[in-house]
Amino acid sequence: MNKNDYAELTRKAEILKAIAHPIRLAILRGLIKNGSTNVNNLETGVDVPMATVSQHLTKIRYAGVVNKKRKGTYIYYTIKDSEGVVQMLKAFLNME
């Protein structure tokens, strides 16, 4: 394995670690189904407090899986699909 392969596999492993939690998978499933949305909408979809949703969003955002964009007083989140995350999650969560 060369350095480029190792770097790519390390990046993919970081993504998998970041999404390896039931709440994070539920958040990502909601983003796939509904598109860009805010924490309030995600909170109702995963049935946990808003602060918990925000903490999980922060972890997957730092891993580069989601983006955030402010619109007025709300922050909207979308999946950043640079690594094929959407396709992988759809297959894994039987969403296709």
PDB file of N, CA and C in Angstrom:
ATOM      1  N   MET A   1       0.855  -1.170   0.000  1.00  0.00           N
ATOM      2  CA  MET A   1       0.000   0.000   0.000  1.00  0.00           C
ATOM      3  C   MET A   1       0.900   1.232   0.000  1.00  0.00           C
ATOM      4  N   ASN A   2       0.610   2.153  -0.921  1.00  0.00           N
ATOM      5  CA  ASN A   2       1.408   3.373  -0.972  1.00  0.00           C
ATOM      6  C   ASN A   2       0.796   4.450  -0.084  1.00  0.00           C
ATOM      7  N   LYS A   3       1.481   5.572   0.019  1.00  0.00           N
ATOM      8  CA  LYS A   3       1.034   6.647   0.910  1.00  0.00           C
ATOM      9  C   LYS A   3      -0.305   7.227   0.497  1.00  0.00           C
ATOM     10  N   ASN A   4      -0.543   7.344  -0.813  1.00  0.00           N
ATOM     11  CA  ASN A   4      -1.822   7.891  -1.278  1.00  0.00           C
ATOM     12  C   ASN A   4      -2.983   6.970  -0.912  1.00  0.00           C
ATOM     13  N   ASP A   5      -2.782   5.658  -1.090  1.00  0.00           N
ATOM     14  CA  ASP A   5      -3.828   4.700  -0.710  1.00  0.00           C
ATOM     15  C   ASP A   5      -4.110   4.790   0.783  1.00  0.00           C
ATOM     16  N   TYR A   6      -3.049   4.857   1.561  1.00  0.00           N
ATOM     17  CA  TYR A   6      -3.210   4.908   3.008  1.00  0.00           C
ATOM     18  C   TYR A   6      -3.945   6.179   3.435  1.00  0.00           C
ATOM     19  N   ALA A   7      -3.611   7.296   2.815  1.00  0.00           N
ATOM     20  CA  ALA A   7      -4.272   8.559   3.151  1.00  0.00           C
ATOM     21  C   ALA A   7      -5.759   8.504   2.796  1.00  0.00           C
ATOM     22  N   GLU A   8      -6.077   7.938   1.642  1.00  0.00           N
ATOM     23  CA  GLU A   8      -7.477   7.825   1.234  1.00  0.00           C
ATOM     24  C   GLU A   8      -8.247   6.891   2.166  1.00  0.00           C
ATOM     25  N   LEU A   9      -7.654   5.768   2.515  1.00  0.00           N
ATOM     26  CA  LEU A   9      -8.322   4.830   3.422  1.00  0.00           C
ATOM     27  C   LEU A   9      -8.463   5.413   4.822  1.00  0.00           C
ATOM     28  N   THR A  10      -7.493   6.200   5.247  1.00  0.00           N
ATOM     29  CA  THR A  10      -7.588   6.860   6.548  1.00  0.00           C
ATOM     30  C   THR A  10      -8.747   7.841   6.549  1.00  0.00           C
ATOM     31  N   ARG A  11      -8.906   8.587   5.477  1.00  0.00           N
ATOM     32  CA  ARG A  11     -10.017   9.544   5.350  1.00  0.00           C
ATOM     33  C   ARG A  11     -11.366   8.818   5.398  1.00  0.00           C
ATOM     34  N   LYS A  12     -11.476   7.735   4.676  1.00  0.00           N
ATOM     35  CA  LYS A  12     -12.727   6.971   4.662  1.00  0.00           C
ATOM     36  C   LYS A  12     -13.009   6.359   6.030  1.00  0.00           C
ATOM     37  N   ALA A  13     -11.976   5.916   6.721  1.00  0.00           N
ATOM     38  CA  ALA A  13     -12.152   5.373   8.071  1.00  0.00           C
ATOM     39  C   ALA A  13     -12.644   6.453   9.029  1.00  0.00           C
ATOM     40  N   GLU A  14     -12.162   7.681   8.882  1.00  0.00           N
ATOM     41  CA  GLU A  14     -12.619   8.787   9.727  1.00  0.00           C
ATOM     42  C   GLU A  14     -14.101   9.071   9.490  1.00  0.00           C
ATOM     43  N   ILE A  15     -14.531   8.997   8.246  1.00  0.00           N
ATOM     44  CA  ILE A  15     -15.944   9.198   7.935  1.00  0.00           C
ATOM     45  C   ILE A  15     -16.779   8.103   8.581  1.00  0.00           C
ATOM     46  N   LEU A  16     -16.342   6.867   8.444  1.00  0.00           N
ATOM     47  CA  LEU A  16     -17.089   5.764   9.040  1.00  0.00           C
ATOM     48  C   LEU A  16     -17.163   5.893  10.561  1.00  0.00           C
ATOM     49  N   LYS A  17     -16.078   6.308  11.191  1.00  0.00           N
ATOM     50  CA  LYS A  17     -16.095   6.512  12.642  1.00  0.00           C
ATOM     51  C   LYS A  17     -17.072   7.617  13.023  1.00  0.00           C
ATOM     52  N   ALA A  18     -17.111   8.665  12.221  1.00  0.00           N
ATOM     53  CA  ALA A  18     -17.973   9.809  12.536  1.00  0.00           C
ATOM     54  C   ALA A  18     -19.451   9.465  12.428  1.00  0.00           C
ATOM     55  N   ILE A  19     -19.812   8.573  11.522  1.00  0.00           N
ATOM     56  CA  ILE A  19     -21.232   8.273  11.332  1.00  0.00           C
ATOM     57  C   ILE A  19     -21.667   7.020  12.092  1.00  0.00           C
ATOM     58  N   ALA A  20     -20.755   6.387  12.782  1.00  0.00           N
ATOM     59  CA  ALA A  20     -21.039   5.120  13.467  1.00  0.00           C
ATOM     60  C   ALA A  20     -21.757   5.330  14.797  1.00  0.00           C
ATOM     61  N   HIS A  21     -22.947   5.898  14.732  1.00  0.00           N
ATOM     62  CA  HIS A  21     -23.771   6.095  15.925  1.00  0.00           C
ATOM     63  C   HIS A  21     -25.222   6.125  15.452  1.00  0.00           C
ATOM     64  N   PRO A  22     -26.149   5.487  16.178  1.00  0.00           N
ATOM     65  CA  PRO A  22     -27.539   5.436  15.719  1.00  0.00           C
ATOM     66  C   PRO A  22     -28.180   6.808  15.497  1.00  0.00           C
ATOM     67  N   ILE A  23     -27.885   7.759  16.363  1.00  0.00           N
ATOM     68  CA  ILE A  23     -28.474   9.092  16.197  1.00  0.00           C
ATOM     69  C   ILE A  23     -27.901   9.770  14.960  1.00  0.00           C
ATOM     70  N   ARG A  24     -26.616   9.624  14.736  1.00  0.00           N
ATOM     71  CA  ARG A  24     -25.996  10.243  13.556  1.00  0.00           C
ATOM     72  C   ARG A  24     -26.524   9.615  12.278  1.00  0.00           C
ATOM     73  N   LEU A  25     -26.716   8.294  12.290  1.00  0.00           N
ATOM     74  CA  LEU A  25     -27.305   7.640  11.118  1.00  0.00           C
ATOM     75  C   LEU A  25     -28.726   8.142  10.882  1.00  0.00           C
ATOM     76  N   ALA A  26     -29.485   8.335  11.951  1.00  0.00           N
ATOM     77  CA  ALA A  26     -30.853   8.857  11.812  1.00  0.00           C
ATOM     78  C   ALA A  26     -30.840  10.281  11.267  1.00  0.00           C
ATOM     79  N   ILE A  27     -29.910  11.088  11.738  1.00  0.00           N
ATOM     80  CA  ILE A  27     -29.776  12.461  11.234  1.00  0.00           C
ATOM     81  C   ILE A  27     -29.463  12.445   9.744  1.00  0.00           C
ATOM     82  N   LEU A  28     -28.506  11.628   9.348  1.00  0.00           N
ATOM     83  CA  LEU A  28     -28.119  11.560   7.937  1.00  0.00           C
ATOM     84  C   LEU A  28     -29.252  11.010   7.081  1.00  0.00           C
ATOM     85  N   ARG A  29     -29.983  10.024   7.604  1.00  0.00           N
ATOM     86  CA  ARG A  29     -31.140   9.497   6.873  1.00  0.00           C
ATOM     87  C   ARG A  29     -32.167  10.604   6.654  1.00  0.00           C
ATOM     88  N   GLY A  30     -32.401  11.420   7.685  1.00  0.00           N
ATOM     89  CA  GLY A  30     -33.329  12.537   7.559  1.00  0.00           C
ATOM     90  C   GLY A  30     -32.869  13.553   6.528  1.00  0.00           C
ATOM     91  N   LEU A  31     -31.573  13.827   6.499  1.00  0.00           N
ATOM     92  CA  LEU A  31     -31.040  14.768   5.516  1.00  0.00           C
ATOM     93  C   LEU A  31     -31.152  14.218   4.098  1.00  0.00           C
ATOM     94  N   ILE A  32     -30.973  12.909   3.952  1.00  0.00           N
ATOM     95  CA  ILE A  32     -31.113  12.302   2.627  1.00  0.00           C
ATOM     96  C   ILE A  32     -32.571  12.379   2.174  1.00  0.00           C
ATOM     97  N   LYS A  33     -33.490  12.041   3.066  1.00  0.00           N
ATOM     98  CA  LYS A  33     -34.913  12.031   2.714  1.00  0.00           C
ATOM     99  C   LYS A  33     -35.464  13.430   2.456  1.00  0.00           C
ATOM    100  N   ASN A  34     -35.083  14.399   3.308  1.00  0.00           N
ATOM    101  CA  ASN A  34     -35.714  15.717   3.280  1.00  0.00           C
ATOM    102  C   ASN A  34     -34.859  16.818   2.674  1.00  0.00           C
ATOM    103  N   GLY A  35     -33.613  16.543   2.399  1.00  0.00           N
ATOM    104  CA  GLY A  35     -32.730  17.578   1.888  1.00  0.00           C
ATOM    105  C   GLY A  35     -32.292  18.523   2.995  1.00  0.00           C
ATOM    106  N   SER A  36     -31.885  19.701   2.626  1.00  0.00           N
ATOM    107  CA  SER A  36     -31.386  20.693   3.573  1.00  0.00           C
ATOM    108  C   SER A  36     -32.444  21.005   4.629  1.00  0.00           C
ATOM    109  N   THR A  37     -32.037  20.982   5.890  1.00  0.00           N
ATOM    110  CA  THR A  37     -32.972  21.248   6.973  1.00  0.00           C
ATOM    111  C   THR A  37     -32.236  21.786   8.189  1.00  0.00           C
ATOM    112  N   ASN A  38     -33.001  22.256   9.161  1.00  0.00           N
ATOM    113  CA  ASN A  38     -32.387  22.828  10.361  1.00  0.00           C
ATOM    114  C   ASN A  38     -32.518  21.863  11.542  1.00  0.00           C
ATOM    115  N   VAL A  39     -31.919  22.222  12.662  1.00  0.00           N
ATOM    116  CA  VAL A  39     -31.895  21.362  13.841  1.00  0.00           C
ATOM    117  C   VAL A  39     -33.302  21.096  14.366  1.00  0.00           C
ATOM    118  N   ASN A  40     -34.170  22.088  14.311  1.00  0.00           N
ATOM    119  CA  ASN A  40     -35.547  21.897  14.792  1.00  0.00           C
ATOM    120  C   ASN A  40     -36.239  20.752  14.059  1.00  0.00           C
ATOM    121  N   ASN A  41     -36.114  20.728  12.750  1.00  0.00           N
ATOM    122  CA  ASN A  41     -36.735  19.658  11.968  1.00  0.00           C
ATOM    123  C   ASN A  41     -36.074  18.318  12.224  1.00  0.00           C
ATOM    124  N   LEU A  42     -34.765  18.314  12.375  1.00  0.00           N
ATOM    125  CA  LEU A  42     -34.064  17.061  12.655  1.00  0.00           C
ATOM    126  C   LEU A  42     -34.425  16.522  14.031  1.00  0.00           C
ATOM    127  N   GLU A  43     -34.624  17.420  14.973  1.00  0.00           N
ATOM    128  CA  GLU A  43     -34.970  17.013  16.339  1.00  0.00           C
ATOM    129  C   GLU A  43     -36.253  16.181  16.353  1.00  0.00           C
ATOM    130  N   THR A  44     -37.249  16.598  15.617  1.00  0.00           N
ATOM    131  CA  THR A  44     -38.508  15.852  15.598  1.00  0.00           C
ATOM    132  C   THR A  44     -38.357  14.517  14.894  1.00  0.00           C
ATOM    133  N   GLY A  45     -37.442  14.442  13.935  1.00  0.00           N
ATOM    134  CA  GLY A  45     -37.231  13.190  13.208  1.00  0.00           C
ATOM    135  C   GLY A  45     -36.476  12.134  13.986  1.00  0.00           C
ATOM    136  N   VAL A  46     -35.617  12.559  14.909  1.00  0.00           N
ATOM    137  CA  VAL A  46     -34.815  11.582  15.659  1.00  0.00           C
ATOM    138  C   VAL A  46     -35.260  11.442  17.104  1.00  0.00           C
ATOM    139  N   ASP A  47     -36.184  12.285  17.547  1.00  0.00           N
ATOM    140  CA  ASP A  47     -36.797  12.200  18.868  1.00  0.00           C
ATOM    141  C   ASP A  47     -35.778  12.257  20.014  1.00  0.00           C
ATOM    142  N   VAL A  48     -34.840  13.183  19.910  1.00  0.00           N
ATOM    143  CA  VAL A  48     -33.900  13.478  20.997  1.00  0.00           C
ATOM    144  C   VAL A  48     -33.850  14.999  21.145  1.00  0.00           C
ATOM    145  N   PRO A  49     -33.368  15.493  22.283  1.00  0.00           N
ATOM    146  CA  PRO A  49     -33.318  16.951  22.480  1.00  0.00           C
ATOM    147  C   PRO A  49     -32.470  17.666  21.425  1.00  0.00           C
ATOM    148  N   MET A  50     -32.814  18.927  21.195  1.00  0.00           N
ATOM    149  CA  MET A  50     -32.116  19.736  20.202  1.00  0.00           C
ATOM    150  C   MET A  50     -30.613  19.820  20.479  1.00  0.00           C
ATOM    151  N   ALA A  51     -30.240  19.924  21.749  1.00  0.00           N
ATOM    152  CA  ALA A  51     -28.814  20.006  22.101  1.00  0.00           C
ATOM    153  C   ALA A  51     -28.079  18.736  21.686  1.00  0.00           C
ATOM    154  N   THR A  52     -28.720  17.598  21.832  1.00  0.00           N
ATOM    155  CA  THR A  52     -28.107  16.327  21.436  1.00  0.00           C
ATOM    156  C   THR A  52     -27.920  16.271  19.931  1.00  0.00           C
ATOM    157  N   VAL A  53     -28.939  16.693  19.193  1.00  0.00           N
ATOM    158  CA  VAL A  53     -28.841  16.729  17.732  1.00  0.00           C
ATOM    159  C   VAL A  53     -27.700  17.653  17.314  1.00  0.00           C
ATOM    160  N   SER A  54     -27.597  18.810  17.942  1.00  0.00           N
ATOM    161  CA  SER A  54     -26.532  19.765  17.618  1.00  0.00           C
ATOM    162  C   SER A  54     -25.151  19.178  17.876  1.00  0.00           C
ATOM    163  N   GLN A  55     -24.994  18.466  18.978  1.00  0.00           N
ATOM    164  CA  GLN A  55     -23.700  17.853  19.286  1.00  0.00           C
ATOM    165  C   GLN A  55     -23.323  16.811  18.234  1.00  0.00           C
ATOM    166  N   HIS A  56     -24.291  16.002  17.840  1.00  0.00           N
ATOM    167  CA  HIS A  56     -24.006  14.984  16.823  1.00  0.00           C
ATOM    168  C   HIS A  56     -23.727  15.619  15.466  1.00  0.00           C
ATOM    169  N   LEU A  57     -24.454  16.670  15.127  1.00  0.00           N
ATOM    170  CA  LEU A  57     -24.193  17.380  13.877  1.00  0.00           C
ATOM    171  C   LEU A  57     -22.787  17.966  13.858  1.00  0.00           C
ATOM    172  N   THR A  58     -22.343  18.476  14.995  1.00  0.00           N
ATOM    173  CA  THR A  58     -20.988  19.027  15.083  1.00  0.00           C
ATOM    174  C   THR A  58     -19.950  17.949  14.785  1.00  0.00           C
ATOM    175  N   LYS A  59     -20.148  16.768  15.333  1.00  0.00           N
ATOM    176  CA  LYS A  59     -19.177  15.684  15.106  1.00  0.00           C
ATOM    177  C   LYS A  59     -19.127  15.275  13.641  1.00  0.00           C
ATOM    178  N   ILE A  60     -20.290  15.147  13.007  1.00  0.00           N
ATOM    179  CA  ILE A  60     -20.245  14.741  11.601  1.00  0.00           C
ATOM    180  C   ILE A  60     -19.850  15.898  10.687  1.00  0.00           C
ATOM    181  N   ARG A  61     -20.067  17.123  11.137  1.00  0.00           N
ATOM    182  CA  ARG A  61     -19.599  18.277  10.353  1.00  0.00           C
ATOM    183  C   ARG A  61     -18.076  18.365  10.388  1.00  0.00           C
ATOM    184  N   TYR A  62     -17.479  18.155  11.564  1.00  0.00           N
ATOM    185  CA  TYR A  62     -16.020  18.181  11.673  1.00  0.00           C
ATOM    186  C   TYR A  62     -15.370  17.074  10.853  1.00  0.00           C
ATOM    187  N   ALA A  63     -16.087  15.993  10.648  1.00  0.00           N
ATOM    188  CA  ALA A  63     -15.570  14.908   9.817  1.00  0.00           C
ATOM    189  C   ALA A  63     -15.755  15.198   8.331  1.00  0.00           C
ATOM    190  N   GLY A  64     -16.419  16.312   8.019  1.00  0.00           N
ATOM    191  CA  GLY A  64     -16.599  16.705   6.622  1.00  0.00           C
ATOM    192  C   GLY A  64     -17.761  16.023   5.937  1.00  0.00           C
ATOM    193  N   VAL A  65     -18.701  15.476   6.710  1.00  0.00           N
ATOM    194  CA  VAL A  65     -19.825  14.759   6.128  1.00  0.00           C
ATOM    195  C   VAL A  65     -20.994  15.693   5.826  1.00  0.00           C
ATOM    196  N   VAL A  66     -21.166  16.746   6.627  1.00  0.00           N
ATOM    197  CA  VAL A  66     -22.247  17.707   6.381  1.00  0.00           C
ATOM    198  C   VAL A  66     -21.686  19.123   6.324  1.00  0.00           C
ATOM    199  N   ASN A  67     -22.431  19.970   5.646  1.00  0.00           N
ATOM    200  CA  ASN A  67     -22.142  21.408   5.591  1.00  0.00           C
ATOM    201  C   ASN A  67     -23.239  22.144   6.332  1.00  0.00           C
ATOM    202  N   LYS A  68     -22.917  23.339   6.786  1.00  0.00           N
ATOM    203  CA  LYS A  68     -23.952  24.182   7.386  1.00  0.00           C
ATOM    204  C   LYS A  68     -23.969  25.529   6.685  1.00  0.00           C
ATOM    205  N   LYS A  69     -25.171  26.114   6.644  1.00  0.00           N
ATOM    206  CA  LYS A  69     -25.342  27.429   6.029  1.00  0.00           C
ATOM    207  C   LYS A  69     -26.394  28.188   6.818  1.00  0.00           C
ATOM    208  N   ARG A  70     -26.065  29.395   7.205  1.00  0.00           N
ATOM    209  CA  ARG A  70     -26.993  30.221   7.981  1.00  0.00           C
ATOM    210  C   ARG A  70     -27.965  30.934   7.047  1.00  0.00           C
ATOM    211  N   LYS A  71     -29.254  30.849   7.419  1.00  0.00           N
ATOM    212  CA  LYS A  71     -30.320  31.597   6.731  1.00  0.00           C
ATOM    213  C   LYS A  71     -31.126  32.274   7.822  1.00  0.00           C
ATOM    214  N   GLY A  72     -30.909  33.568   7.986  1.00  0.00           N
ATOM    215  CA  GLY A  72     -31.582  34.301   9.058  1.00  0.00           C
ATOM    216  C   GLY A  72     -31.104  33.812  10.409  1.00  0.00           C
ATOM    217  N   THR A  73     -32.036  33.401  11.250  1.00  0.00           N
ATOM    218  CA  THR A  73     -31.668  32.928  12.590  1.00  0.00           C
ATOM    219  C   THR A  73     -31.451  31.418  12.631  1.00  0.00           C
ATOM    220  N   TYR A  74     -31.656  30.735  11.510  1.00  0.00           N
ATOM    221  CA  TYR A  74     -31.518  29.277  11.467  1.00  0.00           C
ATOM    222  C   TYR A  74     -30.248  28.865  10.734  1.00  0.00           C
ATOM    223  N   ILE A  75     -29.743  27.712  11.121  1.00  0.00           N
ATOM    224  CA  ILE A  75     -28.624  27.096  10.409  1.00  0.00           C
ATOM    225  C   ILE A  75     -29.161  25.846   9.741  1.00  0.00           C
ATOM    226  N   TYR A  76     -28.950  25.746   8.438  1.00  0.00           N
ATOM    227  CA  TYR A  76     -29.410  24.600   7.670  1.00  0.00           C
ATOM    228  C   TYR A  76     -28.235  23.687   7.350  1.00  0.00           C
ATOM    229  N   TYR A  77     -28.493  22.400   7.445  1.00  0.00           N
ATOM    230  CA  TYR A  77     -27.463  21.390   7.217  1.00  0.00           C
ATOM    231  C   TYR A  77     -27.794  20.592   5.964  1.00  0.00           C
ATOM    232  N   THR A  78     -26.752  20.253   5.216  1.00  0.00           N
ATOM    233  CA  THR A  78     -26.873  19.387   4.041  1.00  0.00           C
ATOM    234  C   THR A  78     -25.730  18.391   4.071  1.00  0.00           C
ATOM    235  N   ILE A  79     -25.925  17.279   3.408  1.00  0.00           N
ATOM    236  CA  ILE A  79     -24.852  16.291   3.321  1.00  0.00           C
ATOM    237  C   ILE A  79     -23.871  16.721   2.251  1.00  0.00           C
ATOM    238  N   LYS A  80     -22.613  16.695   2.606  1.00  0.00           N
ATOM    239  CA  LYS A  80     -21.531  16.983   1.668  1.00  0.00           C
ATOM    240  C   LYS A  80     -21.133  15.640   1.061  1.00  0.00           C
ATOM    241  N   ASP A  81     -21.431  15.436  -0.192  1.00  0.00           N
ATOM    242  CA  ASP A  81     -21.283  14.100  -0.780  1.00  0.00           C
ATOM    243  C   ASP A  81     -19.999  13.930  -1.582  1.00  0.00           C
ATOM    244  N   SER A  82     -18.924  14.495  -1.121  1.00  0.00           N
ATOM    245  CA  SER A  82     -17.675  14.394  -1.871  1.00  0.00           C
ATOM    246  C   SER A  82     -17.072  12.995  -1.822  1.00  0.00           C
ATOM    247  N   GLU A  83     -17.459  12.181  -0.873  1.00  0.00           N
ATOM    248  CA  GLU A  83     -16.895  10.842  -0.721  1.00  0.00           C
ATOM    249  C   GLU A  83     -17.900   9.740  -1.065  1.00  0.00           C
ATOM    250  N   GLY A  84     -19.017  10.085  -1.697  1.00  0.00           N
ATOM    251  CA  GLY A  84     -20.025   9.088  -2.016  1.00  0.00           C
ATOM    252  C   GLY A  84     -20.810   8.617  -0.805  1.00  0.00           C
ATOM    253  N   VAL A  85     -20.909   9.477   0.201  1.00  0.00           N
ATOM    254  CA  VAL A  85     -21.568   9.119   1.455  1.00  0.00           C
ATOM    255  C   VAL A  85     -23.049   8.826   1.238  1.00  0.00           C
ATOM    256  N   VAL A  86     -23.713   9.615   0.411  1.00  0.00           N
ATOM    257  CA  VAL A  86     -25.153   9.430   0.204  1.00  0.00           C
ATOM    258  C   VAL A  86     -25.438   8.055  -0.394  1.00  0.00           C
ATOM    259  N   GLN A  87     -24.707   7.698  -1.416  1.00  0.00           N
ATOM    260  CA  GLN A  87     -24.917   6.396  -2.058  1.00  0.00           C
ATOM    261  C   GLN A  87     -24.649   5.259  -1.070  1.00  0.00           C
ATOM    262  N   MET A  88     -23.577   5.373  -0.294  1.00  0.00           N
ATOM    263  CA  MET A  88     -23.240   4.350   0.683  1.00  0.00           C
ATOM    264  C   MET A  88     -24.341   4.221   1.736  1.00  0.00           C
ATOM    265  N   LEU A  89     -24.815   5.363   2.263  1.00  0.00           N
ATOM    266  CA  LEU A  89     -25.854   5.335   3.287  1.00  0.00           C
ATOM    267  C   LEU A  89     -27.178   4.807   2.744  1.00  0.00           C
ATOM    268  N   LYS A  90     -27.534   5.196   1.536  1.00  0.00           N
ATOM    269  CA  LYS A  90     -28.772   4.685   0.942  1.00  0.00           C
ATOM    270  C   LYS A  90     -28.724   3.167   0.840  1.00  0.00           C
ATOM    271  N   ALA A  91     -27.597   2.638   0.412  1.00  0.00           N
ATOM    272  CA  ALA A  91     -27.458   1.189   0.308  1.00  0.00           C
ATOM    273  C   ALA A  91     -27.465   0.543   1.689  1.00  0.00           C
ATOM    274  N   PHE A  92     -26.733   1.114   2.621  1.00  0.00           N
ATOM    275  CA  PHE A  92     -26.614   0.556   3.964  1.00  0.00           C
ATOM    276  C   PHE A  92     -27.926   0.602   4.718  1.00  0.00           C
ATOM    277  N   LEU A  93     -28.681   1.693   4.562  1.00  0.00           N
ATOM    278  CA  LEU A  93     -29.945   1.863   5.286  1.00  0.00           C
ATOM    279  C   LEU A  93     -31.156   1.392   4.485  1.00  0.00           C
ATOM    280  N   ASN A  94     -30.902   0.681   3.397  1.00  0.00           N
ATOM    281  CA  ASN A  94     -31.979   0.151   2.539  1.00  0.00           C
ATOM    282  C   ASN A  94     -32.961   1.232   2.116  1.00  0.00           C
ATOM    283  N   MET A  95     -32.430   2.321   1.608  1.00  0.00           N
ATOM    284  CA  MET A  95     -33.270   3.460   1.221  1.00  0.00           C
ATOM    285  C   MET A  95     -33.498   3.522  -0.290  1.00  0.00           C
ATOM    286  N   GLU A  96     -32.909   2.635  -1.056  1.00  0.00           N
ATOM    287  CA  GLU A  96     -33.050   2.722  -2.509  1.00  0.00           C
ATOM    288  C   GLU A  96     -34.235   1.955  -3.002  1.00  0.00           C
TER     289      GLU A  96
END
